[in-house]
Amino acid sequence: MESEEVVRGMLYLSLTVVGVPGNTAVIMAFLLALYQEHQLLPADAIVLHLACANLLVVGVRCLLETLATFRLVNIFGDMGCQGVIFVYRTSRSLSIWLTFVLSAYQCLSIATPGSRWASIRVLVARYLAVIFLTLWVINTSMSSAAIAFSLGSRNDSVNMQHSINVQFCYVRFPTMQSTQVNGAVQVGRDVVPMGMMTLASLVILVFLYRYSQQVKGLRSSSGASGGAERRAAKAVVALVTLYVVLYGVDNGLWVYTLTVRKTMSSSLISDLRIFFSSLYAALSPLVIIATNRKVNSRLRCVAWQKYLDLLYSHFLRRFFFLFNIL
């Protein structure tokens, strides 16, 4: 195995090792909270949905790329490429739009009670399931090109003009115009929510600055009110910042790919794109665990319970060992 393949496999393996357990932990924490409290707050439901989308990104793309790179399992035939690229593109775009929905909802959450924005927040919370369904339908439809144009890399002997090399697969478009149109749609699908969530984050930052100015000089007890909202707002700003940086690099590389008329013999640019976009899916659960008290407390509770079970089983083994000696 060449050194380039080893590096590629290790990078995807690192994303898998971090992203799959991290997103699974977030999902399990919210499901545990749902079981205990019989409901989830709208913001928590959005984060839960975001973690599911991120788990699909890391689990479907990074895990399978790792297995194929190290020649353990390779499903990247024509149908495998179509399925993997379709699921990856759909879950990736869902992750983007759910981050925007989260930032927009948090922006509405800091609105003054009784205002028009507060009323919109109530409507968003009421029709959150409809928003989720709409996002699924739109993003699934926009990713359908992956099914029509993806094929396995073993077909590289045929004419590969207007194609994108993604190591084990090719995405081959019939004409240069179709390549550019599809690329423009993909960029627009990313840039539109990027701009809107950046605007929402700026509003949140202005609110946090004004709030800090208002509580400056007051007692700590006075500044404690609204702490949960401020923590949630800071977490959302952290997620949006992480998204803008990583997906900004991803889209820059994607635009460069569209400007190259000849199919690249190397998949380096595509690998970098997938790495940076998947890096958000792998790192975002760490931000959620660090900033969301509900997730943090549930995970600590589960970890403590496992420790007690381990201690209890160890005690029983020691007890029966001594009993057998006696």
C-alpha atoms as a PDB file:
ATOM      1  CA  MET A   1       0.000   0.000   0.000  1.00  0.00           C
ATOM      2  CA  GLU A   2       1.389   3.402  -0.984  1.00  0.00           C
ATOM      3  CA  SER A   3       2.083   6.077   1.626  1.00  0.00           C
ATOM      4  CA  GLU A   4      -0.562   8.334   0.071  1.00  0.00           C
ATOM      5  CA  GLU A   5      -3.205   5.649   0.580  1.00  0.00           C
ATOM      6  CA  VAL A   6      -2.090   5.113   4.183  1.00  0.00           C
ATOM      7  CA  VAL A   7      -2.389   8.836   4.940  1.00  0.00           C
ATOM      8  CA  ARG A   8      -5.777   8.965   3.224  1.00  0.00           C
ATOM      9  CA  GLY A   9      -7.022   5.954   5.173  1.00  0.00           C
ATOM     10  CA  MET A  10      -5.760   7.313   8.488  1.00  0.00           C
ATOM     11  CA  LEU A  11      -7.473  10.669   7.928  1.00  0.00           C
ATOM     12  CA  TYR A  12     -10.804   8.996   7.206  1.00  0.00           C
ATOM     13  CA  LEU A  13     -10.247   6.634  10.131  1.00  0.00           C
ATOM     14  CA  SER A  14      -9.697   9.579  12.475  1.00  0.00           C
ATOM     15  CA  LEU A  15     -12.977  11.158  11.333  1.00  0.00           C
ATOM     16  CA  THR A  16     -14.755   7.845  11.864  1.00  0.00           C
ATOM     17  CA  VAL A  17     -13.281   7.261  15.327  1.00  0.00           C
ATOM     18  CA  VAL A  18     -14.254  10.760  16.482  1.00  0.00           C
ATOM     19  CA  GLY A  19     -17.494  11.282  14.572  1.00  0.00           C
ATOM     20  CA  VAL A  20     -19.348   7.996  14.982  1.00  0.00           C
ATOM     21  CA  PRO A  21     -19.047   7.690  18.808  1.00  0.00           C
ATOM     22  CA  GLY A  22     -19.537  11.448  19.274  1.00  0.00           C
ATOM     23  CA  ASN A  23     -22.751  11.702  17.270  1.00  0.00           C
ATOM     24  CA  THR A  24     -24.016   8.406  18.700  1.00  0.00           C
ATOM     25  CA  ALA A  25     -23.442   9.734  22.233  1.00  0.00           C
ATOM     26  CA  VAL A  26     -25.389  12.916  21.460  1.00  0.00           C
ATOM     27  CA  ILE A  27     -28.272  10.914  19.953  1.00  0.00           C
ATOM     28  CA  MET A  28     -28.390   8.522  22.914  1.00  0.00           C
ATOM     29  CA  ALA A  29     -28.317  11.422  25.398  1.00  0.00           C
ATOM     30  CA  PHE A  30     -31.306  13.105  23.760  1.00  0.00           C
ATOM     31  CA  LEU A  31     -33.212   9.823  23.457  1.00  0.00           C
ATOM     32  CA  LEU A  32     -32.573   9.244  27.163  1.00  0.00           C
ATOM     33  CA  ALA A  33     -33.840  12.752  27.912  1.00  0.00           C
ATOM     34  CA  LEU A  34     -36.918  12.080  25.766  1.00  0.00           C
ATOM     35  CA  TYR A  35     -37.573   8.841  27.642  1.00  0.00           C
ATOM     36  CA  GLN A  36     -37.214  10.539  31.028  1.00  0.00           C
ATOM     37  CA  GLU A  37     -39.020  13.809  30.281  1.00  0.00           C
ATOM     38  CA  HIS A  38     -41.433  12.552  27.554  1.00  0.00           C
ATOM     39  CA  GLN A  39     -40.646  15.579  25.397  1.00  0.00           C
ATOM     40  CA  LEU A  40     -37.819  17.565  23.852  1.00  0.00           C
ATOM     41  CA  LEU A  41     -37.467  21.305  23.540  1.00  0.00           C
ATOM     42  CA  PRO A  42     -37.523  22.526  19.910  1.00  0.00           C
ATOM     43  CA  ALA A  43     -33.831  23.451  20.014  1.00  0.00           C
ATOM     44  CA  ASP A  44     -32.987  19.998  21.389  1.00  0.00           C
ATOM     45  CA  ALA A  45     -35.049  18.340  18.635  1.00  0.00           C
ATOM     46  CA  ILE A  46     -33.087  20.317  16.021  1.00  0.00           C
ATOM     47  CA  VAL A  47     -29.756  19.299  17.571  1.00  0.00           C
ATOM     48  CA  LEU A  48     -30.903  15.659  17.703  1.00  0.00           C
ATOM     49  CA  HIS A  49     -31.805  15.782  14.009  1.00  0.00           C
ATOM     50  CA  LEU A  50     -28.464  17.465  13.260  1.00  0.00           C
ATOM     51  CA  ALA A  51     -26.584  14.689  15.087  1.00  0.00           C
ATOM     52  CA  CYS A  52     -28.464  12.054  13.049  1.00  0.00           C
ATOM     53  CA  ALA A  53     -27.513  13.790   9.792  1.00  0.00           C
ATOM     54  CA  ASN A  54     -23.883  14.098  10.915  1.00  0.00           C
ATOM     55  CA  LEU A  55     -23.818  10.418  11.869  1.00  0.00           C
ATOM     56  CA  LEU A  56     -24.931   9.553   8.331  1.00  0.00           C
ATOM     57  CA  VAL A  57     -22.163  11.754   6.884  1.00  0.00           C
ATOM     58  CA  VAL A  58     -19.427  10.138   8.952  1.00  0.00           C
ATOM     59  CA  GLY A  59     -20.822   6.609   9.053  1.00  0.00           C
ATOM     60  CA  VAL A  60     -21.716   6.256   5.376  1.00  0.00           C
ATOM     61  CA  ARG A  61     -18.866   8.178   3.749  1.00  0.00           C
ATOM     62  CA  CYS A  62     -15.862   8.127   6.099  1.00  0.00           C
ATOM     63  CA  LEU A  63     -16.306   4.610   7.463  1.00  0.00           C
ATOM     64  CA  LEU A  64     -16.796   3.049   4.027  1.00  0.00           C
ATOM     65  CA  GLU A  65     -13.893   5.054   2.582  1.00  0.00           C
ATOM     66  CA  THR A  66     -11.694   3.785   5.423  1.00  0.00           C
ATOM     67  CA  LEU A  67     -12.668   0.159   4.834  1.00  0.00           C
ATOM     68  CA  ALA A  68     -12.130   0.471   1.083  1.00  0.00           C
ATOM     69  CA  THR A  69      -8.777   2.267   1.436  1.00  0.00           C
ATOM     70  CA  PHE A  70      -7.386  -0.467   3.683  1.00  0.00           C
ATOM     71  CA  ARG A  71      -8.908  -3.090   1.349  1.00  0.00           C
ATOM     72  CA  LEU A  72     -11.120  -4.592   4.041  1.00  0.00           C
ATOM     73  CA  VAL A  73     -14.492  -4.102   2.336  1.00  0.00           C
ATOM     74  CA  ASN A  74     -15.193  -2.388  -0.973  1.00  0.00           C
ATOM     75  CA  ILE A  75     -18.794  -1.733  -1.969  1.00  0.00           C
ATOM     76  CA  PHE A  76     -17.941   0.918  -4.546  1.00  0.00           C
ATOM     77  CA  GLY A  77     -19.429  -0.631  -7.649  1.00  0.00           C
ATOM     78  CA  ASP A  78     -21.876   1.349  -9.757  1.00  0.00           C
ATOM     79  CA  MET A  79     -24.802   0.873  -7.362  1.00  0.00           C
ATOM     80  CA  GLY A  80     -22.563   1.292  -4.323  1.00  0.00           C
ATOM     81  CA  CYS A  81     -21.220   4.598  -5.624  1.00  0.00           C
ATOM     82  CA  GLN A  82     -24.706   5.817  -6.440  1.00  0.00           C
ATOM     83  CA  GLY A  83     -26.003   4.930  -2.984  1.00  0.00           C
ATOM     84  CA  VAL A  84     -23.043   6.277  -1.004  1.00  0.00           C
ATOM     85  CA  ILE A  85     -22.766   9.563  -2.897  1.00  0.00           C
ATOM     86  CA  PHE A  86     -26.543  10.099  -2.774  1.00  0.00           C
ATOM     87  CA  VAL A  87     -26.774   9.480   0.987  1.00  0.00           C
ATOM     88  CA  TYR A  88     -23.644  11.536   1.637  1.00  0.00           C
ATOM     89  CA  ARG A  89     -24.829  14.540  -0.366  1.00  0.00           C
ATOM     90  CA  THR A  90     -28.297  14.410   1.167  1.00  0.00           C
ATOM     91  CA  SER A  91     -27.079  14.096   4.766  1.00  0.00           C
ATOM     92  CA  ARG A  92     -24.358  16.702   4.188  1.00  0.00           C
ATOM     93  CA  SER A  93     -26.842  19.268   2.918  1.00  0.00           C
ATOM     94  CA  LEU A  94     -29.259  18.368   5.721  1.00  0.00           C
ATOM     95  CA  SER A  95     -26.475  19.067   8.200  1.00  0.00           C
ATOM     96  CA  ILE A  96     -25.951  22.480   6.621  1.00  0.00           C
ATOM     97  CA  TRP A  97     -29.615  23.470   6.632  1.00  0.00           C
ATOM     98  CA  LEU A  98     -30.243  22.119  10.130  1.00  0.00           C
ATOM     99  CA  THR A  99     -27.352  24.238  11.398  1.00  0.00           C
ATOM    100  CA  PHE A 100     -29.087  27.213   9.822  1.00  0.00           C
ATOM    101  CA  VAL A 101     -32.445  26.262  11.371  1.00  0.00           C
ATOM    102  CA  LEU A 102     -30.743  25.946  14.761  1.00  0.00           C
ATOM    103  CA  SER A 103     -29.057  29.352  14.454  1.00  0.00           C
ATOM    104  CA  ALA A 104     -32.274  30.990  13.237  1.00  0.00           C
ATOM    105  CA  TYR A 105     -34.332  29.465  16.066  1.00  0.00           C
ATOM    106  CA  GLN A 106     -31.768  30.541  18.648  1.00  0.00           C
ATOM    107  CA  CYS A 107     -31.823  34.023  17.153  1.00  0.00           C
ATOM    108  CA  LEU A 108     -35.611  34.071  17.542  1.00  0.00           C
ATOM    109  CA  SER A 109     -35.290  32.758  21.107  1.00  0.00           C
ATOM    110  CA  ILE A 110     -33.595  35.944  22.270  1.00  0.00           C
ATOM    111  CA  ALA A 111     -36.434  38.098  20.930  1.00  0.00           C
ATOM    112  CA  THR A 112     -38.455  40.158  23.386  1.00  0.00           C
ATOM    113  CA  PRO A 113     -41.547  38.265  24.642  1.00  0.00           C
ATOM    114  CA  GLY A 114     -44.689  39.463  22.923  1.00  0.00           C
ATOM    115  CA  SER A 115     -42.850  40.750  19.858  1.00  0.00           C
ATOM    116  CA  ARG A 116     -43.477  39.632  16.283  1.00  0.00           C
ATOM    117  CA  TRP A 117     -40.225  37.620  16.289  1.00  0.00           C
ATOM    118  CA  ALA A 118     -41.329  35.780  19.410  1.00  0.00           C
ATOM    119  CA  SER A 119     -44.562  34.847  17.641  1.00  0.00           C
ATOM    120  CA  ILE A 120     -42.564  33.509  14.686  1.00  0.00           C
ATOM    121  CA  ARG A 121     -40.518  31.397  17.116  1.00  0.00           C
ATOM    122  CA  VAL A 122     -43.730  29.840  18.429  1.00  0.00           C
ATOM    123  CA  LEU A 123     -44.810  29.031  14.867  1.00  0.00           C
ATOM    124  CA  VAL A 124     -41.429  27.468  14.077  1.00  0.00           C
ATOM    125  CA  ALA A 125     -41.646  25.289  17.195  1.00  0.00           C
ATOM    126  CA  ARG A 126     -45.195  24.237  16.333  1.00  0.00           C
ATOM    127  CA  TYR A 127     -44.399  23.237  12.749  1.00  0.00           C
ATOM    128  CA  LEU A 128     -40.908  21.861  13.347  1.00  0.00           C
ATOM    129  CA  ALA A 129     -41.853  18.425  11.994  1.00  0.00           C
ATOM    130  CA  VAL A 130     -43.088  20.058   8.771  1.00  0.00           C
ATOM    131  CA  ILE A 131     -39.775  21.939   8.481  1.00  0.00           C
ATOM    132  CA  PHE A 132     -37.830  18.689   8.906  1.00  0.00           C
ATOM    133  CA  LEU A 133     -39.937  16.932   6.261  1.00  0.00           C
ATOM    134  CA  THR A 134     -39.561  19.843   3.838  1.00  0.00           C
ATOM    135  CA  LEU A 135     -35.782  19.832   4.252  1.00  0.00           C
ATOM    136  CA  TRP A 136     -35.659  16.088   3.621  1.00  0.00           C
ATOM    137  CA  VAL A 137     -37.748  16.365   0.448  1.00  0.00           C
ATOM    138  CA  ILE A 138     -35.815  19.327  -0.973  1.00  0.00           C
ATOM    139  CA  ASN A 139     -32.347  17.978  -0.233  1.00  0.00           C
ATOM    140  CA  THR A 140     -33.201  14.471  -1.406  1.00  0.00           C
ATOM    141  CA  SER A 141     -34.467  15.898  -4.691  1.00  0.00           C
ATOM    142  CA  MET A 142     -31.389  18.086  -5.155  1.00  0.00           C
ATOM    143  CA  SER A 143     -29.084  15.086  -4.581  1.00  0.00           C
ATOM    144  CA  SER A 144     -30.773  12.916  -7.200  1.00  0.00           C
ATOM    145  CA  ALA A 145     -28.049  13.719  -9.752  1.00  0.00           C
ATOM    146  CA  ALA A 146     -25.775  11.372  -7.801  1.00  0.00           C
ATOM    147  CA  ILE A 147     -27.984   8.437  -8.780  1.00  0.00           C
ATOM    148  CA  ALA A 148     -28.023   9.396 -12.455  1.00  0.00           C
ATOM    149  CA  PHE A 149     -24.337  10.237 -12.972  1.00  0.00           C
ATOM    150  CA  SER A 150     -22.273   8.180 -10.470  1.00  0.00           C
ATOM    151  CA  LEU A 151     -20.417   5.010 -11.450  1.00  0.00           C
ATOM    152  CA  GLY A 152     -17.610   2.848 -10.121  1.00  0.00           C
ATOM    153  CA  SER A 153     -13.965   3.637 -10.829  1.00  0.00           C
ATOM    154  CA  ARG A 154     -13.490   0.332 -12.656  1.00  0.00           C
ATOM    155  CA  ASN A 155     -15.212   2.035 -15.601  1.00  0.00           C
ATOM    156  CA  ASP A 156     -12.278   4.435 -16.053  1.00  0.00           C
ATOM    157  CA  SER A 157     -11.497   2.909 -19.418  1.00  0.00           C
ATOM    158  CA  VAL A 158     -14.486   4.680 -20.960  1.00  0.00           C
ATOM    159  CA  ASN A 159     -14.568   8.321 -21.966  1.00  0.00           C
ATOM    160  CA  MET A 160     -14.340  10.306 -18.742  1.00  0.00           C
ATOM    161  CA  GLN A 161     -14.772  13.870 -19.944  1.00  0.00           C
ATOM    162  CA  HIS A 162     -16.843  16.164 -17.730  1.00  0.00           C
ATOM    163  CA  SER A 163     -16.218  13.851 -14.753  1.00  0.00           C
ATOM    164  CA  ILE A 164     -15.204  14.296 -11.127  1.00  0.00           C
ATOM    165  CA  ASN A 165     -12.753  11.801  -9.656  1.00  0.00           C
ATOM    166  CA  VAL A 166     -13.650  10.776  -6.087  1.00  0.00           C
ATOM    167  CA  GLN A 167     -11.127   7.924  -5.755  1.00  0.00           C
ATOM    168  CA  PHE A 168     -13.375   4.846  -5.841  1.00  0.00           C
ATOM    169  CA  CYS A 169     -16.078   6.484  -7.955  1.00  0.00           C
ATOM    170  CA  TYR A 170     -16.575   8.920 -10.785  1.00  0.00           C
ATOM    171  CA  VAL A 171     -19.393  11.426 -11.160  1.00  0.00           C
ATOM    172  CA  ARG A 172     -19.735  11.758 -14.939  1.00  0.00           C
ATOM    173  CA  PHE A 173     -21.904  14.471 -16.458  1.00  0.00           C
ATOM    174  CA  PRO A 174     -23.039  14.343 -20.098  1.00  0.00           C
ATOM    175  CA  THR A 175     -21.854  17.876 -20.972  1.00  0.00           C
ATOM    176  CA  MET A 176     -19.760  20.676 -19.534  1.00  0.00           C
ATOM    177  CA  GLN A 177     -22.897  22.788 -19.177  1.00  0.00           C
ATOM    178  CA  SER A 178     -24.591  20.149 -17.026  1.00  0.00           C
ATOM    179  CA  THR A 179     -21.465  19.987 -14.865  1.00  0.00           C
ATOM    180  CA  GLN A 180     -21.528  23.735 -14.307  1.00  0.00           C
ATOM    181  CA  VAL A 181     -25.278  23.836 -13.648  1.00  0.00           C
ATOM    182  CA  ASN A 182     -25.076  21.013 -11.127  1.00  0.00           C
ATOM    183  CA  GLY A 183     -22.052  22.651  -9.506  1.00  0.00           C
ATOM    184  CA  ALA A 184     -23.818  26.009  -9.269  1.00  0.00           C
ATOM    185  CA  VAL A 185     -26.839  24.356  -7.631  1.00  0.00           C
ATOM    186  CA  GLN A 186     -24.589  22.641  -5.081  1.00  0.00           C
ATOM    187  CA  VAL A 187     -22.767  25.894  -4.293  1.00  0.00           C
ATOM    188  CA  GLY A 188     -26.051  27.789  -3.972  1.00  0.00           C
ATOM    189  CA  ARG A 189     -27.430  25.130  -1.637  1.00  0.00           C
ATOM    190  CA  ASP A 190     -24.446  25.752   0.650  1.00  0.00           C
ATOM    191  CA  VAL A 191     -23.931  29.496   0.295  1.00  0.00           C
ATOM    192  CA  VAL A 192     -27.552  30.534   0.931  1.00  0.00           C
ATOM    193  CA  PRO A 193     -27.804  28.971   4.418  1.00  0.00           C
ATOM    194  CA  MET A 194     -24.208  30.040   5.110  1.00  0.00           C
ATOM    195  CA  GLY A 195     -25.110  33.691   4.565  1.00  0.00           C
ATOM    196  CA  MET A 196     -28.329  33.473   6.568  1.00  0.00           C
ATOM    197  CA  MET A 197     -26.773  31.650   9.533  1.00  0.00           C
ATOM    198  CA  THR A 198     -23.888  34.131   9.559  1.00  0.00           C
ATOM    199  CA  LEU A 199     -26.423  36.950   9.782  1.00  0.00           C
ATOM    200  CA  ALA A 200     -28.262  35.155  12.595  1.00  0.00           C
ATOM    201  CA  SER A 201     -24.983  34.646  14.450  1.00  0.00           C
ATOM    202  CA  LEU A 202     -24.140  38.328  14.137  1.00  0.00           C
ATOM    203  CA  VAL A 203     -27.511  39.178  15.681  1.00  0.00           C
ATOM    204  CA  ILE A 204     -26.791  36.766  18.529  1.00  0.00           C
ATOM    205  CA  LEU A 205     -23.340  38.283  19.074  1.00  0.00           C
ATOM    206  CA  VAL A 206     -24.814  41.783  19.214  1.00  0.00           C
ATOM    207  CA  PHE A 207     -27.353  40.551  21.771  1.00  0.00           C
ATOM    208  CA  LEU A 208     -24.632  38.940  23.886  1.00  0.00           C
ATOM    209  CA  TYR A 209     -22.552  42.116  23.772  1.00  0.00           C
ATOM    210  CA  ARG A 210     -25.489  44.310  24.812  1.00  0.00           C
ATOM    211  CA  TYR A 211     -26.421  41.890  27.551  1.00  0.00           C
ATOM    212  CA  SER A 212     -22.869  41.869  28.918  1.00  0.00           C
ATOM    213  CA  GLN A 213     -22.922  45.658  28.931  1.00  0.00           C
ATOM    214  CA  GLN A 214     -26.217  45.691  30.842  1.00  0.00           C
ATOM    215  CA  VAL A 215     -25.094  43.286  33.568  1.00  0.00           C
ATOM    216  CA  LYS A 216     -21.627  44.808  33.953  1.00  0.00           C
ATOM    217  CA  GLY A 217     -21.207  46.072  37.481  1.00  0.00           C
ATOM    218  CA  LEU A 218     -24.238  44.161  38.800  1.00  0.00           C
ATOM    219  CA  ARG A 219     -24.033  41.347  41.296  1.00  0.00           C
ATOM    220  CA  SER A 220     -23.462  37.844  40.011  1.00  0.00           C
ATOM    221  CA  SER A 221     -26.930  36.849  41.168  1.00  0.00           C
ATOM    222  CA  SER A 222     -28.436  39.470  38.928  1.00  0.00           C
ATOM    223  CA  GLY A 223     -26.371  38.297  36.000  1.00  0.00           C
ATOM    224  CA  ALA A 224     -27.419  34.675  36.476  1.00  0.00           C
ATOM    225  CA  SER A 225     -30.798  35.174  34.833  1.00  0.00           C
ATOM    226  CA  GLY A 226     -30.884  34.138  31.214  1.00  0.00           C
ATOM    227  CA  GLY A 227     -27.768  32.000  31.643  1.00  0.00           C
ATOM    228  CA  ALA A 228     -29.239  29.062  29.740  1.00  0.00           C
ATOM    229  CA  GLU A 229     -30.119  31.259  26.773  1.00  0.00           C
ATOM    230  CA  ARG A 230     -26.630  32.766  26.714  1.00  0.00           C
ATOM    231  CA  ARG A 231     -24.980  29.354  26.862  1.00  0.00           C
ATOM    232  CA  ALA A 232     -27.160  28.077  24.032  1.00  0.00           C
ATOM    233  CA  ALA A 233     -26.462  31.204  21.985  1.00  0.00           C
ATOM    234  CA  LYS A 234     -22.707  30.816  22.438  1.00  0.00           C
ATOM    235  CA  ALA A 235     -22.914  27.142  21.449  1.00  0.00           C
ATOM    236  CA  VAL A 236     -24.789  28.039  18.259  1.00  0.00           C
ATOM    237  CA  VAL A 237     -22.241  30.733  17.395  1.00  0.00           C
ATOM    238  CA  ALA A 238     -19.449  28.171  17.892  1.00  0.00           C
ATOM    239  CA  LEU A 239     -21.197  25.684  15.582  1.00  0.00           C
ATOM    240  CA  VAL A 240     -21.816  28.314  12.916  1.00  0.00           C
ATOM    241  CA  THR A 241     -18.200  29.517  13.064  1.00  0.00           C
ATOM    242  CA  LEU A 242     -16.985  25.936  12.699  1.00  0.00           C
ATOM    243  CA  TYR A 243     -19.360  25.434   9.774  1.00  0.00           C
ATOM    244  CA  VAL A 244     -18.393  28.625   7.923  1.00  0.00           C
ATOM    245  CA  VAL A 245     -14.661  27.876   8.146  1.00  0.00           C
ATOM    246  CA  LEU A 246     -14.822  24.196   7.128  1.00  0.00           C
ATOM    247  CA  TYR A 247     -17.545  24.441   4.489  1.00  0.00           C
ATOM    248  CA  GLY A 248     -15.952  27.620   3.150  1.00  0.00           C
ATOM    249  CA  VAL A 249     -12.828  25.592   2.340  1.00  0.00           C
ATOM    250  CA  ASP A 250     -15.002  22.789   0.941  1.00  0.00           C
ATOM    251  CA  ASN A 251     -16.882  25.115  -1.414  1.00  0.00           C
ATOM    252  CA  GLY A 252     -13.684  26.859  -2.501  1.00  0.00           C
ATOM    253  CA  LEU A 253     -12.234  23.511  -3.561  1.00  0.00           C
ATOM    254  CA  TRP A 254     -15.539  22.594  -5.254  1.00  0.00           C
ATOM    255  CA  VAL A 255     -15.502  25.788  -7.343  1.00  0.00           C
ATOM    256  CA  TYR A 256     -11.913  25.031  -8.341  1.00  0.00           C
ATOM    257  CA  THR A 257     -12.967  21.520  -9.401  1.00  0.00           C
ATOM    258  CA  LEU A 258     -15.671  22.970 -11.649  1.00  0.00           C
ATOM    259  CA  THR A 259     -13.160  25.213 -13.429  1.00  0.00           C
ATOM    260  CA  VAL A 260     -10.996  22.236 -14.478  1.00  0.00           C
ATOM    261  CA  ARG A 261     -12.222  21.021 -17.850  1.00  0.00           C
ATOM    262  CA  LYS A 262     -10.282  17.767 -17.899  1.00  0.00           C
ATOM    263  CA  THR A 263     -11.030  14.983 -15.418  1.00  0.00           C
ATOM    264  CA  MET A 264      -8.340  14.930 -12.736  1.00  0.00           C
ATOM    265  CA  SER A 265      -6.227  11.787 -12.596  1.00  0.00           C
ATOM    266  CA  SER A 266      -5.903  12.212  -8.815  1.00  0.00           C
ATOM    267  CA  SER A 267      -8.733  12.372  -6.281  1.00  0.00           C
ATOM    268  CA  LEU A 268      -6.743  14.677  -3.957  1.00  0.00           C
ATOM    269  CA  ILE A 269      -9.029  17.703  -4.358  1.00  0.00           C
ATOM    270  CA  SER A 270     -12.174  15.607  -3.862  1.00  0.00           C
ATOM    271  CA  ASP A 271     -10.607  13.924  -0.825  1.00  0.00           C
ATOM    272  CA  LEU A 272      -9.829  17.313   0.706  1.00  0.00           C
ATOM    273  CA  ARG A 273     -13.395  18.479   0.058  1.00  0.00           C
ATOM    274  CA  ILE A 274     -14.888  15.389   1.687  1.00  0.00           C
ATOM    275  CA  PHE A 275     -12.442  15.637   4.592  1.00  0.00           C
ATOM    276  CA  PHE A 276     -13.254  19.263   5.431  1.00  0.00           C
ATOM    277  CA  SER A 277     -17.018  18.819   5.091  1.00  0.00           C
ATOM    278  CA  SER A 278     -16.925  15.608   7.137  1.00  0.00           C
ATOM    279  CA  LEU A 279     -14.720  17.301   9.722  1.00  0.00           C
ATOM    280  CA  TYR A 280     -17.694  19.472  10.692  1.00  0.00           C
ATOM    281  CA  ALA A 281     -19.833  16.341  11.164  1.00  0.00           C
ATOM    282  CA  ALA A 282     -17.093  14.818  13.350  1.00  0.00           C
ATOM    283  CA  LEU A 283     -16.296  17.881  15.486  1.00  0.00           C
ATOM    284  CA  SER A 284     -19.780  19.346  15.987  1.00  0.00           C
ATOM    285  CA  PRO A 285     -20.843  16.658  18.526  1.00  0.00           C
ATOM    286  CA  LEU A 286     -17.818  17.615  20.635  1.00  0.00           C
ATOM    287  CA  VAL A 287     -19.070  21.216  20.677  1.00  0.00           C
ATOM    288  CA  ILE A 288     -22.574  20.002  21.549  1.00  0.00           C
ATOM    289  CA  ILE A 289     -21.329  17.769  24.378  1.00  0.00           C
ATOM    290  CA  ALA A 290     -19.170  20.564  25.785  1.00  0.00           C
ATOM    291  CA  THR A 291     -21.858  23.256  25.670  1.00  0.00           C
ATOM    292  CA  ASN A 292     -25.211  21.473  26.075  1.00  0.00           C
ATOM    293  CA  ARG A 293     -25.909  20.764  29.743  1.00  0.00           C
ATOM    294  CA  LYS A 294     -28.680  18.300  28.989  1.00  0.00           C
ATOM    295  CA  VAL A 295     -26.372  16.150  26.871  1.00  0.00           C
ATOM    296  CA  ASN A 296     -23.468  16.592  29.252  1.00  0.00           C
ATOM    297  CA  SER A 297     -25.460  15.590  32.326  1.00  0.00           C
ATOM    298  CA  ARG A 298     -26.976  12.528  30.618  1.00  0.00           C
ATOM    299  CA  LEU A 299     -23.586  11.300  29.446  1.00  0.00           C
ATOM    300  CA  ARG A 300     -22.088  11.829  32.892  1.00  0.00           C
ATOM    301  CA  CYS A 301     -25.000   9.939  34.433  1.00  0.00           C
ATOM    302  CA  VAL A 302     -24.521   7.024  32.027  1.00  0.00           C
ATOM    303  CA  ALA A 303     -20.764   6.996  32.609  1.00  0.00           C
ATOM    304  CA  TRP A 304     -21.257   7.060  36.385  1.00  0.00           C
ATOM    305  CA  GLN A 305     -23.818   4.258  36.179  1.00  0.00           C
ATOM    306  CA  LYS A 306     -21.408   2.138  34.131  1.00  0.00           C
ATOM    307  CA  TYR A 307     -18.706   2.798  36.725  1.00  0.00           C
ATOM    308  CA  LEU A 308     -21.024   1.718  39.543  1.00  0.00           C
ATOM    309  CA  ASP A 309     -22.039  -1.422  37.631  1.00  0.00           C
ATOM    310  CA  LEU A 310     -18.388  -2.253  37.036  1.00  0.00           C
ATOM    311  CA  LEU A 311     -17.573  -1.637  40.700  1.00  0.00           C
ATOM    312  CA  TYR A 312     -20.532  -3.732  41.813  1.00  0.00           C
ATOM    313  CA  SER A 313     -19.619  -6.649  39.533  1.00  0.00           C
ATOM    314  CA  HIS A 314     -15.997  -6.446  40.736  1.00  0.00           C
ATOM    315  CA  PHE A 315     -17.209  -6.535  44.344  1.00  0.00           C
ATOM    316  CA  LEU A 316     -19.385  -9.594  43.641  1.00  0.00           C
ATOM    317  CA  ARG A 317     -16.483 -11.433  42.031  1.00  0.00           C
ATOM    318  CA  ARG A 318     -14.290 -10.706  45.033  1.00  0.00           C
ATOM    319  CA  PHE A 319     -17.053 -11.733  47.432  1.00  0.00           C
ATOM    320  CA  PHE A 320     -17.696 -15.088  45.772  1.00  0.00           C
ATOM    321  CA  PHE A 321     -13.963 -15.688  45.434  1.00  0.00           C
ATOM    322  CA  LEU A 322     -13.498 -15.227  49.181  1.00  0.00           C
ATOM    323  CA  PHE A 323     -16.638 -17.289  49.842  1.00  0.00           C
ATOM    324  CA  ASN A 324     -15.243 -20.198  47.820  1.00  0.00           C
ATOM    325  CA  ILE A 325     -11.937 -19.968  49.723  1.00  0.00           C
ATOM    326  CA  LEU A 326     -13.742 -20.148  53.016  1.00  0.00           C
END
